[in-house]
Structure formats: structure tokens, C-alpha cells
C-alpha atoms as a PDB file:
ATOM      1  CA  GLY A   1      80.170 -84.846  30.403  1.00  0.00           C
ATOM      2  CA  PHE A   2      78.335 -82.059  28.666  1.00  0.00           C
ATOM      3  CA  GLY A   3      80.111 -80.757  25.577  1.00  0.00           C
ATOM      4  CA  THR A   4      82.922 -83.304  25.532  1.00  0.00           C
ATOM      5  CA  THR A   5      82.030 -84.594  22.077  1.00  0.00           C
ATOM      6  CA  TRP A   6      82.347 -81.179  20.434  1.00  0.00           C
ATOM      7  CA  PHE A   7      85.653 -80.795  18.646  1.00  0.00           C
ATOM      8  CA  PRO A   8      87.649 -82.602  21.354  1.00  0.00           C
ATOM      9  CA  ARG A   9      91.077 -81.612  20.013  1.00  0.00           C
ATOM     10  CA  SER A  10      90.420 -78.051  21.216  1.00  0.00           C
ATOM     11  CA  GLU A  11      88.175 -78.805  24.168  1.00  0.00           C
ATOM     12  CA  ARG A  12      90.424 -77.139  26.765  1.00  0.00           C
ATOM     13  CA  ILE A  13      90.615 -73.942  24.744  1.00  0.00           C
ATOM     14  CA  CYS A  14      86.848 -73.984  24.208  1.00  0.00           C
ATOM     15  CA  ILE A  15      86.154 -74.490  27.909  1.00  0.00           C
ATOM     16  CA  ASP A  16      88.521 -71.604  28.764  1.00  0.00           C
ATOM     17  CA  ARG A  17      86.796 -69.341  26.256  1.00  0.00           C
ATOM     18  CA  LEU A  18      83.335 -70.367  27.491  1.00  0.00           C
ATOM     19  CA  GLU A  19      84.367 -69.497  31.034  1.00  0.00           C
ATOM     20  CA  MET A  20      85.673 -66.144  29.780  1.00  0.00           C
ATOM     21  CA  ILE A  21      82.345 -65.391  28.062  1.00  0.00           C
ATOM     22  CA  VAL A  22      80.312 -66.283  31.140  1.00  0.00           C
ATOM     23  CA  ASN A  23      82.557 -64.240  33.450  1.00  0.00           C
ATOM     24  CA  ALA A  24      82.868 -61.232  31.124  1.00  0.00           C
ATOM     25  CA  LEU A  25      79.148 -60.536  30.784  1.00  0.00           C
ATOM     26  CA  PRO A  26      77.659 -58.437  33.583  1.00  0.00           C
ATOM     27  CA  ASN A  27      74.295 -60.220  33.681  1.00  0.00           C
ATOM     28  CA  LYS A  28      73.270 -63.854  33.864  1.00  0.00           C
ATOM     29  CA  ILE A  29      73.520 -65.831  30.610  1.00  0.00           C
ATOM     30  CA  ARG A  30      69.726 -66.248  30.490  1.00  0.00           C
ATOM     31  CA  GLU A  31      69.437 -62.508  29.800  1.00  0.00           C
ATOM     32  CA  TYR A  32      71.292 -62.721  26.468  1.00  0.00           C
ATOM     33  CA  SER A  33      70.819 -64.086  22.980  1.00  0.00           C
ATOM     34  CA  PHE A  34      73.995 -65.115  21.150  1.00  0.00           C
ATOM     35  CA  ILE A  35      75.168 -65.468  17.568  1.00  0.00           C
ATOM     36  CA  ASP A  36      78.420 -67.273  16.772  1.00  0.00           C
ATOM     37  CA  PHE A  37      80.067 -66.467  13.438  1.00  0.00           C
ATOM     38  CA  GLY A  38      82.146 -69.494  12.451  1.00  0.00           C
ATOM     39  CA  CYS A  39      80.524 -71.702  15.086  1.00  0.00           C
ATOM     40  CA  SER A  40      82.135 -74.977  13.938  1.00  0.00           C
ATOM     41  CA  ASN A  41      80.460 -77.797  15.899  1.00  0.00           C
ATOM     42  CA  GLY A  42      78.337 -75.343  17.871  1.00  0.00           C
ATOM     43  CA  PHE A  43      80.189 -75.738  21.158  1.00  0.00           C
ATOM     44  CA  PHE A  44      79.617 -72.184  22.378  1.00  0.00           C
ATOM     45  CA  ILE A  45      75.999 -71.821  21.265  1.00  0.00           C
ATOM     46  CA  ASN A  46      75.054 -75.258  22.598  1.00  0.00           C
ATOM     47  CA  SER A  47      76.886 -74.640  25.884  1.00  0.00           C
ATOM     48  CA  LEU A  48      75.361 -71.191  26.350  1.00  0.00           C
ATOM     49  CA  SER A  49      71.922 -72.610  25.529  1.00  0.00           C
ATOM     50  CA  TYR A  50      72.502 -75.324  28.115  1.00  0.00           C
ATOM     51  CA  LEU A  51      73.291 -72.543  30.603  1.00  0.00           C
ATOM     52  CA  GLY A  52      69.944 -70.880  29.808  1.00  0.00           C
ATOM     53  CA  ALA A  53      70.638 -68.371  27.015  1.00  0.00           C
ATOM     54  CA  ARG A  54      67.748 -66.880  25.079  1.00  0.00           C
ATOM     55  CA  PRO A  55      67.226 -68.216  21.519  1.00  0.00           C
ATOM     56  CA  SER A  56      70.617 -68.185  19.809  1.00  0.00           C
ATOM     57  CA  MET A  57      72.211 -69.018  16.462  1.00  0.00           C
ATOM     58  CA  GLY A  58      75.414 -70.474  15.049  1.00  0.00           C
ATOM     59  CA  LEU A  59      76.628 -69.926  11.489  1.00  0.00           C
ATOM     60  CA  ASP A  60      79.357 -71.840   9.716  1.00  0.00           C
ATOM     61  CA  ASN A  61      80.299 -72.806   6.205  1.00  0.00           C
ATOM     62  CA  SER A  62      80.702 -76.594   6.211  1.00  0.00           C
ATOM     63  CA  ILE A  63      81.940 -76.981   2.667  1.00  0.00           C
ATOM     64  CA  HIS A  64      85.603 -77.619   3.430  1.00  0.00           C
ATOM     65  CA  ASN A  65      86.961 -81.159   3.612  1.00  0.00           C
ATOM     66  CA  ASP A  66      89.077 -80.294   6.649  1.00  0.00           C
ATOM     67  CA  ALA A  67      85.913 -80.126   8.787  1.00  0.00           C
ATOM     68  CA  LEU A  68      85.308 -83.805   8.028  1.00  0.00           C
ATOM     69  CA  LYS A  69      88.726 -84.780   9.410  1.00  0.00           C
ATOM     70  CA  PHE A  70      87.309 -84.466  12.920  1.00  0.00           C
ATOM     71  CA  ASN A  71      83.735 -85.661  12.406  1.00  0.00           C
ATOM     72  CA  SER A  72      81.848 -88.166  10.315  1.00  0.00           C
ATOM     73  CA  VAL A  73      79.282 -85.438   9.515  1.00  0.00           C
ATOM     74  CA  ASN A  74      79.696 -81.771   8.666  1.00  0.00           C
ATOM     75  CA  VAL A  75      80.029 -79.328  11.540  1.00  0.00           C
ATOM     76  CA  ILE A  76      76.544 -77.822  11.323  1.00  0.00           C
ATOM     77  CA  ASP A  77      74.913 -81.254  11.289  1.00  0.00           C
ATOM     78  CA  LYS A  78      77.081 -82.159  14.294  1.00  0.00           C
ATOM     79  CA  ALA A  79      75.961 -79.005  16.135  1.00  0.00           C
ATOM     80  CA  LYS A  80      72.301 -79.867  15.474  1.00  0.00           C
ATOM     81  CA  GLN A  81      72.808 -83.471  16.606  1.00  0.00           C
ATOM     82  CA  GLU A  82      74.387 -82.324  19.873  1.00  0.00           C
ATOM     83  CA  ALA A  83      71.609 -79.794  20.570  1.00  0.00           C
ATOM     84  CA  ASP A  84      69.054 -82.546  20.035  1.00  0.00           C
ATOM     85  CA  ALA A  85      70.986 -85.118  22.095  1.00  0.00           C
ATOM     86  CA  TYR A  86      71.122 -82.794  25.097  1.00  0.00           C
ATOM     87  CA  GLY A  87      67.471 -81.771  24.761  1.00  0.00           C
ATOM     88  CA  LEU A  88      68.262 -78.071  24.707  1.00  0.00           C
ATOM     89  CA  ASP A  89      65.275 -75.771  25.109  1.00  0.00           C
ATOM     90  CA  PRO A  90      65.053 -73.513  23.305  1.00  0.00           C
ATOM     91  CA  ILE A  91      66.864 -75.393  20.573  1.00  0.00           C
ATOM     92  CA  PRO A  92      69.522 -73.151  19.029  1.00  0.00           C
ATOM     93  CA  GLU A  93      69.388 -72.528  15.307  1.00  0.00           C
ATOM     94  CA  PHE A  94      72.377 -73.613  13.228  1.00  0.00           C
ATOM     95  CA  ILE A  95      72.739 -72.551   9.592  1.00  0.00           C
ATOM     96  CA  ASP A  96      75.248 -73.921   7.091  1.00  0.00           C
ATOM     97  CA  CYS A  97      76.151 -70.774   5.148  1.00  0.00           C
ATOM     98  CA  ASN A  98      78.739 -68.188   4.323  1.00  0.00           C
ATOM     99  CA  PHE A  99      78.041 -65.795   7.181  1.00  0.00           C
ATOM    100  CA  ILE A 100      79.048 -62.777   5.072  1.00  0.00           C
ATOM    101  CA  THR A 101      76.169 -63.576   2.726  1.00  0.00           C
ATOM    102  CA  TRP A 102      73.922 -64.132   5.772  1.00  0.00           C
ATOM    103  CA  LEU A 103      74.906 -60.697   7.127  1.00  0.00           C
ATOM    104  CA  GLU A 104      74.063 -59.098   3.774  1.00  0.00           C
ATOM    105  CA  LYS A 105      70.635 -60.764   3.722  1.00  0.00           C
ATOM    106  CA  ASN A 106      69.838 -60.151   7.413  1.00  0.00           C
ATOM    107  CA  PRO A 107      71.202 -56.670   8.197  1.00  0.00           C
ATOM    108  CA  THR A 108      68.509 -55.883  10.781  1.00  0.00           C
ATOM    109  CA  SER A 109      68.835 -59.083  12.826  1.00  0.00           C
ATOM    110  CA  LYS A 110      69.889 -58.399  16.399  1.00  0.00           C
ATOM    111  CA  TYR A 111      71.569 -60.605  18.967  1.00  0.00           C
ATOM    112  CA  ASP A 112      72.724 -59.331  22.335  1.00  0.00           C
ATOM    113  CA  VAL A 113      76.155 -60.940  22.034  1.00  0.00           C
ATOM    114  CA  SER A 114      78.158 -61.765  18.906  1.00  0.00           C
ATOM    115  CA  ILE A 115      80.968 -64.307  19.133  1.00  0.00           C
ATOM    116  CA  PHE A 116      83.731 -64.111  16.546  1.00  0.00           C
ATOM    117  CA  PHE A 117      86.543 -66.544  17.429  1.00  0.00           C
ATOM    118  CA  SER A 118      89.400 -67.760  15.215  1.00  0.00           C
ATOM    119  CA  VAL A 119      87.879 -66.680  11.914  1.00  0.00           C
ATOM    120  CA  PHE A 120      89.419 -63.304  11.115  1.00  0.00           C
ATOM    121  CA  HIS A 121      92.689 -64.646   9.676  1.00  0.00           C
ATOM    122  CA  HIS A 122      90.732 -66.549   7.001  1.00  0.00           C
ATOM    123  CA  PHE A 123      89.975 -63.208   5.338  1.00  0.00           C
ATOM    124  CA  PHE A 124      93.642 -62.468   4.736  1.00  0.00           C
ATOM    125  CA  LYS A 125      95.677 -65.621   4.380  1.00  0.00           C
ATOM    126  CA  GLY A 126      93.513 -67.773   2.181  1.00  0.00           C
ATOM    127  CA  TYR A 127      93.473 -70.545   4.779  1.00  0.00           C
ATOM    128  CA  GLY A 128      90.557 -72.778   3.980  1.00  0.00           C
ATOM    129  CA  SER A 129      90.346 -71.518   0.415  1.00  0.00           C
ATOM    130  CA  LEU A 130      88.427 -73.733  -1.900  1.00  0.00           C
ATOM    131  CA  ASN A 131      90.414 -75.883  -4.266  1.00  0.00           C
ATOM    132  CA  LYS A 132      88.932 -78.158  -6.896  1.00  0.00           C
ATOM    133  CA  ASN A 133      88.721 -81.052  -4.415  1.00  0.00           C
ATOM    134  CA  ASP A 134      86.914 -78.981  -1.766  1.00  0.00           C
ATOM    135  CA  ARG A 135      84.251 -77.324  -3.895  1.00  0.00           C
ATOM    136  CA  LYS A 136      81.496 -79.956  -3.504  1.00  0.00           C
ATOM    137  CA  GLY A 137      79.300 -77.998  -5.905  1.00  0.00           C
ATOM    138  CA  HIS A 138      79.792 -74.630  -4.189  1.00  0.00           C
ATOM    139  CA  SER A 139      80.759 -71.500  -6.072  1.00  0.00           C
ATOM    140  CA  ARG A 140      83.615 -69.132  -5.254  1.00  0.00           C
ATOM    141  CA  GLU A 141      81.144 -66.771  -3.519  1.00  0.00           C
ATOM    142  CA  ASN A 142      81.093 -69.242  -0.630  1.00  0.00           C
ATOM    143  CA  ASP A 143      84.774 -68.647   0.080  1.00  0.00           C
ATOM    144  CA  LEU A 144      85.720 -66.190   2.846  1.00  0.00           C
ATOM    145  CA  CYS A 145      89.325 -65.780   1.815  1.00  0.00           C
ATOM    146  CA  ASN A 146      91.403 -62.883   0.609  1.00  0.00           C
ATOM    147  CA  LEU A 147      88.986 -60.049   1.356  1.00  0.00           C
ATOM    148  CA  GLY A 148      91.811 -57.694   2.290  1.00  0.00           C
ATOM    149  CA  ASP A 149      91.673 -54.749   4.678  1.00  0.00           C
ATOM    150  CA  SER A 150      88.571 -53.032   3.313  1.00  0.00           C
ATOM    151  CA  GLY A 151      86.593 -56.260   3.012  1.00  0.00           C
ATOM    152  CA  ALA A 152      87.538 -57.356   6.515  1.00  0.00           C
ATOM    153  CA  GLY A 153      86.573 -53.950   7.885  1.00  0.00           C
ATOM    154  CA  ASP A 154      83.226 -54.229   6.109  1.00  0.00           C
ATOM    155  CA  VAL A 155      82.621 -57.645   7.699  1.00  0.00           C
ATOM    156  CA  LEU A 156      83.370 -56.245  11.161  1.00  0.00           C
ATOM    157  CA  ARG A 157      80.956 -53.344  10.535  1.00  0.00           C
ATOM    158  CA  ARG A 158      78.237 -55.792   9.464  1.00  0.00           C
ATOM    159  CA  ILE A 159      78.833 -57.911  12.573  1.00  0.00           C
ATOM    160  CA  ASP A 160      78.674 -54.741  14.664  1.00  0.00           C
ATOM    161  CA  ASN A 161      75.308 -53.881  13.093  1.00  0.00           C
ATOM    162  CA  VAL A 162      73.717 -57.146  14.272  1.00  0.00           C
ATOM    163  CA  THR A 163      75.373 -56.955  17.711  1.00  0.00           C
ATOM    164  CA  GLY A 164      73.019 -55.525  20.318  1.00  0.00           C
ATOM    165  CA  GLN A 165      75.400 -55.200  23.270  1.00  0.00           C
ATOM    166  CA  TYR A 166      78.695 -57.105  23.150  1.00  0.00           C
ATOM    167  CA  LEU A 167      81.115 -58.431  20.560  1.00  0.00           C
ATOM    168  CA  ILE A 168      83.408 -61.117  21.906  1.00  0.00           C
ATOM    169  CA  PHE A 169      86.265 -61.196  19.441  1.00  0.00           C
ATOM    170  CA  GLU A 170      89.594 -62.973  19.235  1.00  0.00           C
ATOM    171  CA  MET A 171      92.172 -63.451  16.570  1.00  0.00           C
ATOM    172  CA  ASP A 172      95.686 -64.673  16.177  1.00  0.00           C
ATOM    173  CA  GLU A 173      97.489 -61.462  15.272  1.00  0.00           C
ATOM    174  CA  GLN A 174     100.379 -63.255  13.560  1.00  0.00           C
ATOM    175  CA  TYR A 175      98.038 -64.141  10.687  1.00  0.00           C
ATOM    176  CA  VAL A 176      96.956 -60.598   9.960  1.00  0.00           C
ATOM    177  CA  PRO A 177      99.763 -58.163   9.131  1.00  0.00           C
ATOM    178  CA  GLY A 178      98.829 -54.580   9.977  1.00  0.00           C
ATOM    179  CA  TRP A 179      95.781 -55.527  12.041  1.00  0.00           C
ATOM    180  CA  ASN A 180      96.042 -55.534  15.804  1.00  0.00           C
ATOM    181  CA  LYS A 181      93.860 -54.770  18.821  1.00  0.00           C
ATOM    182  CA  ALA A 182      94.184 -51.021  18.314  1.00  0.00           C
ATOM    183  CA  THR A 183      93.202 -51.261  14.621  1.00  0.00           C
ATOM    184  CA  ILE A 184      90.149 -53.358  15.428  1.00  0.00           C
END
């Protein structure tokens, strides 16, 4: 069925989150454009596009070897392949980049809904940090890790600036000491 090839080890969680997005928004999906920061294989953007969303975008940094554990191609290429395979119209845009750099270069971009799932802890714990085997020709500027409180707050402000109406945000609080729902 639709979407079953996208990151199957977390399919149930993705379906639950997709249902939450659809049910949380007051209007029909076709009335919104979406941007997904840390989109992985593009499950949410492709699914929302399939449901009729306005032109939308997914951003992810595919330079880590762990992304290739689940796919034979990097996650952004996989997202593009799936969008093409399902004949999505409009075709969502997927960009392989450090989304912090993208936010710096595109501060006036606007999307109705920003999705920010399971990325926040990367800023604090160094998970996914680049070691010599993961670099693949990329410099340290492509790493999201160890930004600390002020850097993480700056990223959230930048995401807020490109968010037209709604930010759909989730994090695992155990990864981020001192940050909780009230802080955010």
C-alpha cells in the first residue's frame, strides 16, 4: 500500500504521526504547504502530497552512513524515487542539505506548516556526529551536533520564522536535559 516502502522499521509510528497531523489541522490538507526538517525518506511530505497538500518540501542531511543501513540509496534520493513512483502532483521538493544552513540562506521562505520530528536531540547529544568514516567529503559545518542551548534556541527561532501557521514538533525529552515542553 501507499507509503509502506518508506522506512518500514518505524512505519507504525509514522502512520500514527501522519494521522495526528491530519487530525490536528483545522482545515483540509489541500489548504496547506508543508516543510519537514529532517524528513528522512520523505514519508510525511510524500504522504501529505498524496493527500493533496500544496507544494511542499523535505530537508535532510544524507551524509551519515547510518541512513544507508535501511536503504540502498540515501534518504533524499529515496524520497524523490517514492514521489516519482506514486506520480505525486505537485511533486514535492526534497533537498539534501544541513537544514540550519538552508534556514540561514532562506530566511524569508514561508510554509504553512513546519514539521520537526525526532531531530532536536541531535543538537545536544552528538548523536549522528560525523566521524572520519562518515565524512564522505563533507566538512564539519554539515554536522548538526552539539549546538547547546543557545544554538538550539536559535534553530527553533529560525524554524518559527519560516512557519506560516503551525509548527508540529516532537522530541524525546530524555535526550535533552533542561529542555521540556514548557521551555520550548
